[in-house]
């Protein structure tokens, strides 16, 4: 069983958010994620209201590398402290959480 890695993120309001992810096994070797799917969501801090879905794109599926992103238009609507997680489904339809953590929405200054 894979225990999710806790990783807190900062999302800058009104800016494109991108998080590169590299999945390695316990020895540090790349995990071949061919046939896997990745989904992630951001919720308010209580987990009661979904703020958005991450868009996931592969950078190297055989090397266990993908990117999670949120458009600037979507981050512009977000505020406060939130939480997120990333759910992976393997080719046998087994599901596990790879990442989870707090998402701080930073309102910034320039975009106001």
C-alpha atoms as a PDB file:
ATOM      1  CA  UNK A   1       0.000   0.000   0.000  1.00  0.00           C
ATOM      2  CA  UNK A   2       1.238   3.465  -0.903  1.00  0.00           C
ATOM      3  CA  UNK A   3       0.966   6.114   1.794  1.00  0.00           C
ATOM      4  CA  UNK A   4       0.372   9.556   0.310  1.00  0.00           C
ATOM      5  CA  UNK A   5       3.229  12.016   0.550  1.00  0.00           C
ATOM      6  CA  UNK A   6       2.288  15.181   2.418  1.00  0.00           C
ATOM      7  CA  UNK A   7       3.318  18.193   0.355  1.00  0.00           C
ATOM      8  CA  UNK A   8       1.939  21.668   0.990  1.00  0.00           C
ATOM      9  CA  UNK A   9       1.585  24.015  -1.984  1.00  0.00           C
ATOM     10  CA  UNK A  10       1.030  27.731  -2.603  1.00  0.00           C
ATOM     11  CA  UNK A  11      -1.322  28.754  -5.396  1.00  0.00           C
ATOM     12  CA  UNK A  12      -0.957  32.372  -6.509  1.00  0.00           C
ATOM     13  CA  UNK A  13      -4.355  33.886  -7.186  1.00  0.00           C
ATOM     14  CA  UNK A  14      -4.761  34.931 -10.833  1.00  0.00           C
ATOM     15  CA  UNK A  15      -1.617  33.095 -11.998  1.00  0.00           C
ATOM     16  CA  UNK A  16      -1.227  29.758 -13.748  1.00  0.00           C
ATOM     17  CA  UNK A  17      -0.314  27.041 -11.233  1.00  0.00           C
ATOM     18  CA  UNK A  18       1.942  24.149 -12.250  1.00  0.00           C
ATOM     19  CA  UNK A  19       3.333  21.358 -10.085  1.00  0.00           C
ATOM     20  CA  UNK A  20       5.733  18.847 -11.666  1.00  0.00           C
ATOM     21  CA  UNK A  21       5.519  15.408 -10.014  1.00  0.00           C
ATOM     22  CA  UNK A  22       8.046  12.564 -10.277  1.00  0.00           C
ATOM     23  CA  UNK A  23       6.887   9.250  -8.803  1.00  0.00           C
ATOM     24  CA  UNK A  24       9.719   7.030  -7.519  1.00  0.00           C
ATOM     25  CA  UNK A  25       9.618   3.749  -5.622  1.00  0.00           C
ATOM     26  CA  UNK A  26      11.219   3.218  -2.203  1.00  0.00           C
ATOM     27  CA  UNK A  27      14.634   2.646  -3.815  1.00  0.00           C
ATOM     28  CA  UNK A  28      14.447   5.897  -5.789  1.00  0.00           C
ATOM     29  CA  UNK A  29      13.797   4.211  -9.133  1.00  0.00           C
ATOM     30  CA  UNK A  30      11.244   5.685 -11.530  1.00  0.00           C
ATOM     31  CA  UNK A  31       7.818   4.044 -11.456  1.00  0.00           C
ATOM     32  CA  UNK A  32       6.598   3.183 -14.946  1.00  0.00           C
ATOM     33  CA  UNK A  33       3.101   4.698 -14.995  1.00  0.00           C
ATOM     34  CA  UNK A  34       2.086   3.405 -18.422  1.00  0.00           C
ATOM     35  CA  UNK A  35      -1.638   2.673 -18.238  1.00  0.00           C
ATOM     36  CA  UNK A  36      -2.110   4.751 -15.066  1.00  0.00           C
ATOM     37  CA  UNK A  37      -4.466   7.705 -14.689  1.00  0.00           C
ATOM     38  CA  UNK A  38      -4.050  10.677 -12.377  1.00  0.00           C
ATOM     39  CA  UNK A  39      -6.780  12.886 -10.915  1.00  0.00           C
ATOM     40  CA  UNK A  40      -6.568  15.640  -8.334  1.00  0.00           C
ATOM     41  CA  UNK A  41      -8.893  18.137  -6.700  1.00  0.00           C
ATOM     42  CA  UNK A  42      -8.675  21.201  -4.490  1.00  0.00           C
ATOM     43  CA  UNK A  43     -11.305  21.688  -1.784  1.00  0.00           C
ATOM     44  CA  UNK A  44     -11.921  24.391   0.796  1.00  0.00           C
ATOM     45  CA  UNK A  45     -10.170  23.839   4.125  1.00  0.00           C
ATOM     46  CA  UNK A  46     -13.164  21.924   5.534  1.00  0.00           C
ATOM     47  CA  UNK A  47     -13.381  19.626   2.514  1.00  0.00           C
ATOM     48  CA  UNK A  48     -17.010  20.563   1.888  1.00  0.00           C
ATOM     49  CA  UNK A  49     -16.728  22.631  -1.316  1.00  0.00           C
ATOM     50  CA  UNK A  50     -14.687  21.699  -4.378  1.00  0.00           C
ATOM     51  CA  UNK A  51     -12.721  24.682  -5.673  1.00  0.00           C
ATOM     52  CA  UNK A  52     -11.316  23.032  -8.814  1.00  0.00           C
ATOM     53  CA  UNK A  53      -9.869  19.977 -10.503  1.00  0.00           C
ATOM     54  CA  UNK A  54      -6.213  19.776 -11.428  1.00  0.00           C
ATOM     55  CA  UNK A  55      -5.474  19.225 -15.113  1.00  0.00           C
ATOM     56  CA  UNK A  56      -2.904  16.437 -15.355  1.00  0.00           C
ATOM     57  CA  UNK A  57      -0.563  15.916 -18.281  1.00  0.00           C
ATOM     58  CA  UNK A  58       2.190  13.357 -18.757  1.00  0.00           C
ATOM     59  CA  UNK A  59       5.759  14.521 -19.219  1.00  0.00           C
ATOM     60  CA  UNK A  60       7.164  10.952 -19.131  1.00  0.00           C
ATOM     61  CA  UNK A  61       4.622   8.242 -18.416  1.00  0.00           C
ATOM     62  CA  UNK A  62       7.269   5.481 -18.468  1.00  0.00           C
ATOM     63  CA  UNK A  63       9.436   7.609 -16.144  1.00  0.00           C
ATOM     64  CA  UNK A  64       6.635   8.354 -13.674  1.00  0.00           C
ATOM     65  CA  UNK A  65       6.545  12.074 -14.465  1.00  0.00           C
ATOM     66  CA  UNK A  66       3.495  14.269 -14.870  1.00  0.00           C
ATOM     67  CA  UNK A  67       2.394  17.834 -14.296  1.00  0.00           C
ATOM     68  CA  UNK A  68      -0.631  19.114 -12.376  1.00  0.00           C
ATOM     69  CA  UNK A  69      -1.921  22.519 -13.402  1.00  0.00           C
ATOM     70  CA  UNK A  70      -4.696  25.040 -12.765  1.00  0.00           C
ATOM     71  CA  UNK A  71      -5.453  27.871 -15.201  1.00  0.00           C
ATOM     72  CA  UNK A  72      -5.023  31.520 -14.219  1.00  0.00           C
ATOM     73  CA  UNK A  73      -8.757  32.084 -14.782  1.00  0.00           C
ATOM     74  CA  UNK A  74      -9.548  29.384 -12.203  1.00  0.00           C
ATOM     75  CA  UNK A  75      -6.980  30.489  -9.607  1.00  0.00           C
ATOM     76  CA  UNK A  76      -8.434  34.016  -9.860  1.00  0.00           C
ATOM     77  CA  UNK A  77     -11.652  32.670  -8.295  1.00  0.00           C
ATOM     78  CA  UNK A  78      -9.891  30.945  -5.375  1.00  0.00           C
ATOM     79  CA  UNK A  79      -9.014  32.347  -1.961  1.00  0.00           C
ATOM     80  CA  UNK A  80      -8.029  31.367   1.571  1.00  0.00           C
ATOM     81  CA  UNK A  81      -6.632  28.110   2.848  1.00  0.00           C
ATOM     82  CA  UNK A  82      -7.591  24.930   1.031  1.00  0.00           C
ATOM     83  CA  UNK A  83      -6.627  21.262   0.862  1.00  0.00           C
ATOM     84  CA  UNK A  84      -5.878  18.974  -2.060  1.00  0.00           C
ATOM     85  CA  UNK A  85      -5.119  15.391  -2.937  1.00  0.00           C
ATOM     86  CA  UNK A  86      -4.025  13.377  -5.957  1.00  0.00           C
ATOM     87  CA  UNK A  87      -5.566   9.976  -6.704  1.00  0.00           C
ATOM     88  CA  UNK A  88      -3.786   7.507  -8.985  1.00  0.00           C
ATOM     89  CA  UNK A  89      -5.457   4.526 -10.660  1.00  0.00           C
ATOM     90  CA  UNK A  90      -3.183   1.733 -11.889  1.00  0.00           C
ATOM     91  CA  UNK A  91      -3.867  -0.509 -14.927  1.00  0.00           C
ATOM     92  CA  UNK A  92      -5.589  -3.093 -12.661  1.00  0.00           C
ATOM     93  CA  UNK A  93      -8.005  -0.376 -11.429  1.00  0.00           C
ATOM     94  CA  UNK A  94      -6.394  -0.281  -7.967  1.00  0.00           C
ATOM     95  CA  UNK A  95      -6.517   3.264  -6.574  1.00  0.00           C
ATOM     96  CA  UNK A  96      -4.176   5.030  -4.174  1.00  0.00           C
ATOM     97  CA  UNK A  97      -3.498   8.572  -3.023  1.00  0.00           C
ATOM     98  CA  UNK A  98      -0.059   9.769  -4.096  1.00  0.00           C
ATOM     99  CA  UNK A  99      -0.055  13.322  -2.701  1.00  0.00           C
ATOM    100  CA  UNK A 100      -2.050  15.349  -0.212  1.00  0.00           C
ATOM    101  CA  UNK A 101      -1.623  18.592   1.630  1.00  0.00           C
ATOM    102  CA  UNK A 102      -2.608  22.138   2.345  1.00  0.00           C
ATOM    103  CA  UNK A 103      -3.022  24.629  -0.498  1.00  0.00           C
ATOM    104  CA  UNK A 104      -2.482  28.238   0.539  1.00  0.00           C
ATOM    105  CA  UNK A 105      -4.042  30.687  -1.917  1.00  0.00           C
ATOM    106  CA  UNK A 106      -1.789  33.753  -2.033  1.00  0.00           C
ATOM    107  CA  UNK A 107      -3.693  36.815  -3.296  1.00  0.00           C
ATOM    108  CA  UNK A 108      -0.517  38.560  -4.482  1.00  0.00           C
ATOM    109  CA  UNK A 109      -0.203  42.286  -5.099  1.00  0.00           C
ATOM    110  CA  UNK A 110       0.353  42.942  -8.799  1.00  0.00           C
ATOM    111  CA  UNK A 111      -2.796  41.268 -10.082  1.00  0.00           C
ATOM    112  CA  UNK A 112      -5.163  43.308  -7.927  1.00  0.00           C
END
